[in-house]
Amino acid sequence: MSRILLAEDDTDMRRFLAKALEKAGYDVVSFDNGLSAYERLREEPFSMLLTDIVMPEMDGIELARRATRLDPDLKVMFITGFAAVALNPDSQAPKDAKILSKPFHLRELVREVERLLAA
């Protein structure tokens, strides 16, 4: 079973995403900020980081940068309403990261997670 670390500061969105991914068969551990998610990632391995970009304490791009330094094979997907920020070359987001723009349908999220984990 693939393990997904979810970082999303919106409580309802975080619960919604975690529930959908768990229903699809994934083990999901979720946090409401990037710093807490990073601390957990330092303690144990995950298959994928699914993160919002705009969050308190540590944004998703910084979280992804640090996470991929710890584990270069970690798959990264950003979920955001600010896709242009993640796509900006100056952001230094991990080059293989997938970006899913809000709003999206849960089926689309699960399909993209499956694709990224299979790659």
Protein backbone atom coordinates (compact mmCIF):
# COMPACT_ATOMS: atom_id res chain seq x y z
CA MET A 1 0.00 0.00 0.00
CA SER A 2 1.40 3.38 -0.98
CA ARG A 3 1.76 5.92 1.80
CA ILE A 4 0.82 9.52 1.09
CA LEU A 5 1.84 12.49 3.21
CA LEU A 6 -0.83 15.18 2.80
CA ALA A 7 -0.17 18.81 3.75
CA GLU A 8 -3.22 21.10 3.42
CA ASP A 9 -4.09 23.95 5.76
CA ASP A 10 -7.82 24.02 4.94
CA THR A 11 -9.40 21.58 7.42
CA ASP A 12 -12.40 20.63 5.28
CA MET A 13 -10.29 20.17 2.15
CA ARG A 14 -7.73 18.09 4.07
CA ARG A 15 -10.41 15.76 5.45
CA PHE A 16 -12.09 15.52 2.04
CA LEU A 17 -8.84 14.62 0.25
CA ALA A 18 -7.70 12.15 2.91
CA LYS A 19 -11.04 10.36 2.86
CA ALA A 20 -11.06 10.07 -0.94
CA LEU A 21 -7.50 8.73 -1.06
CA GLU A 22 -8.12 6.28 1.77
CA LYS A 23 -11.23 5.04 -0.04
CA ALA A 24 -9.00 4.48 -3.10
CA GLY A 25 -6.73 2.26 -1.00
CA TYR A 26 -3.96 4.61 0.09
CA ASP A 27 -2.54 5.05 3.58
CA VAL A 28 -2.78 8.81 4.21
CA VAL A 29 -1.13 10.81 6.99
CA SER A 30 -2.23 14.45 6.98
CA PHE A 31 -1.03 17.72 8.47
CA ASP A 32 -2.31 21.28 8.47
CA ASN A 33 1.05 22.92 7.76
CA GLY A 34 4.29 22.25 5.95
CA LEU A 35 6.54 22.29 8.99
CA SER A 36 4.66 19.49 10.79
CA ALA A 37 4.52 17.47 7.57
CA TYR A 38 8.28 17.86 7.09
CA GLU A 39 8.98 16.74 10.66
CA ARG A 40 6.95 13.57 10.06
CA LEU A 41 8.72 12.94 6.76
CA ARG A 42 12.04 13.04 8.59
CA GLU A 43 10.79 10.22 10.84
CA GLU A 44 9.45 7.75 8.27
CA PRO A 45 9.29 7.12 4.52
CA PHE A 46 6.37 7.97 2.25
CA SER A 47 5.68 7.17 -1.40
CA MET A 48 4.25 10.57 -2.20
CA LEU A 49 3.91 14.12 -0.90
CA LEU A 50 0.60 15.76 -1.76
CA THR A 51 0.74 19.39 -0.72
CA ASP A 52 -1.01 22.70 -1.05
CA ILE A 53 1.33 25.54 -1.97
CA VAL A 54 0.09 28.39 0.23
CA MET A 55 0.28 27.32 3.89
CA PRO A 56 1.43 28.80 7.19
CA GLU A 57 4.86 28.09 8.73
CA MET A 58 6.32 26.48 5.59
CA ASP A 59 4.79 26.70 2.13
CA GLY A 60 4.36 23.68 -0.09
CA ILE A 61 7.22 24.54 -2.43
CA GLU A 62 9.71 24.76 0.44
CA LEU A 63 8.27 21.56 1.90
CA ALA A 64 8.72 19.79 -1.45
CA ARG A 65 12.28 21.09 -1.80
CA ARG A 66 13.26 19.84 1.64
CA ALA A 67 11.35 16.57 1.23
CA THR A 68 13.05 15.67 -2.04
CA ARG A 69 16.44 16.43 -0.48
CA LEU A 70 15.63 13.80 2.17
CA ASP A 71 14.23 11.35 -0.39
CA PRO A 72 15.06 12.06 -4.05
CA ASP A 73 12.62 9.32 -5.15
CA LEU A 74 9.65 10.89 -3.36
CA LYS A 75 6.82 11.69 -5.78
CA VAL A 76 5.43 15.22 -5.37
CA MET A 77 2.07 16.64 -6.34
CA PHE A 78 0.93 20.18 -5.67
CA ILE A 79 -2.76 20.93 -5.23
CA THR A 80 -3.31 24.62 -5.61
CA GLY A 81 -5.33 27.52 -6.88
CA PHE A 82 -1.99 29.17 -7.70
CA ALA A 83 -0.56 26.89 -10.39
CA ALA A 84 1.40 29.72 -11.99
CA VAL A 85 3.51 30.03 -8.83
CA ALA A 86 4.50 26.36 -8.92
CA LEU A 87 5.22 26.50 -12.65
CA ASN A 88 7.47 29.53 -12.28
CA PRO A 89 11.08 28.36 -12.80
CA ASP A 90 12.19 30.76 -10.06
CA SER A 91 10.13 28.85 -7.49
CA GLN A 92 12.67 25.98 -7.59
CA ALA A 93 9.87 23.44 -7.17
CA PRO A 94 11.01 19.84 -7.82
CA LYS A 95 11.17 19.46 -11.60
CA ASP A 96 9.15 16.23 -11.75
CA ALA A 97 6.34 17.51 -9.53
CA LYS A 98 2.78 17.23 -10.81
CA ILE A 99 0.43 20.19 -10.39
CA LEU A 100 -3.30 19.79 -9.96
CA SER A 101 -5.20 23.08 -10.07
CA LYS A 102 -8.19 23.70 -7.83
CA PRO A 103 -11.02 23.14 -8.32
CA PHE A 104 -10.71 19.49 -9.34
CA HIS A 105 -12.90 16.42 -9.06
CA LEU A 106 -11.88 13.68 -6.63
CA ARG A 107 -11.79 11.12 -9.45
CA GLU A 108 -9.25 13.33 -11.20
CA LEU A 109 -7.15 13.52 -8.04
CA VAL A 110 -7.16 9.75 -7.55
CA ARG A 111 -6.35 9.17 -11.25
CA GLU A 112 -3.40 11.62 -11.13
CA VAL A 113 -2.10 10.10 -7.88
CA GLU A 114 -2.26 6.62 -9.46
CA ARG A 115 -0.39 7.85 -12.55
CA LEU A 116 2.32 9.59 -10.57
CA LEU A 117 2.89 6.63 -8.26
CA ALA A 118 3.06 4.25 -11.24
CA ALA A 119 5.65 6.40 -13.06
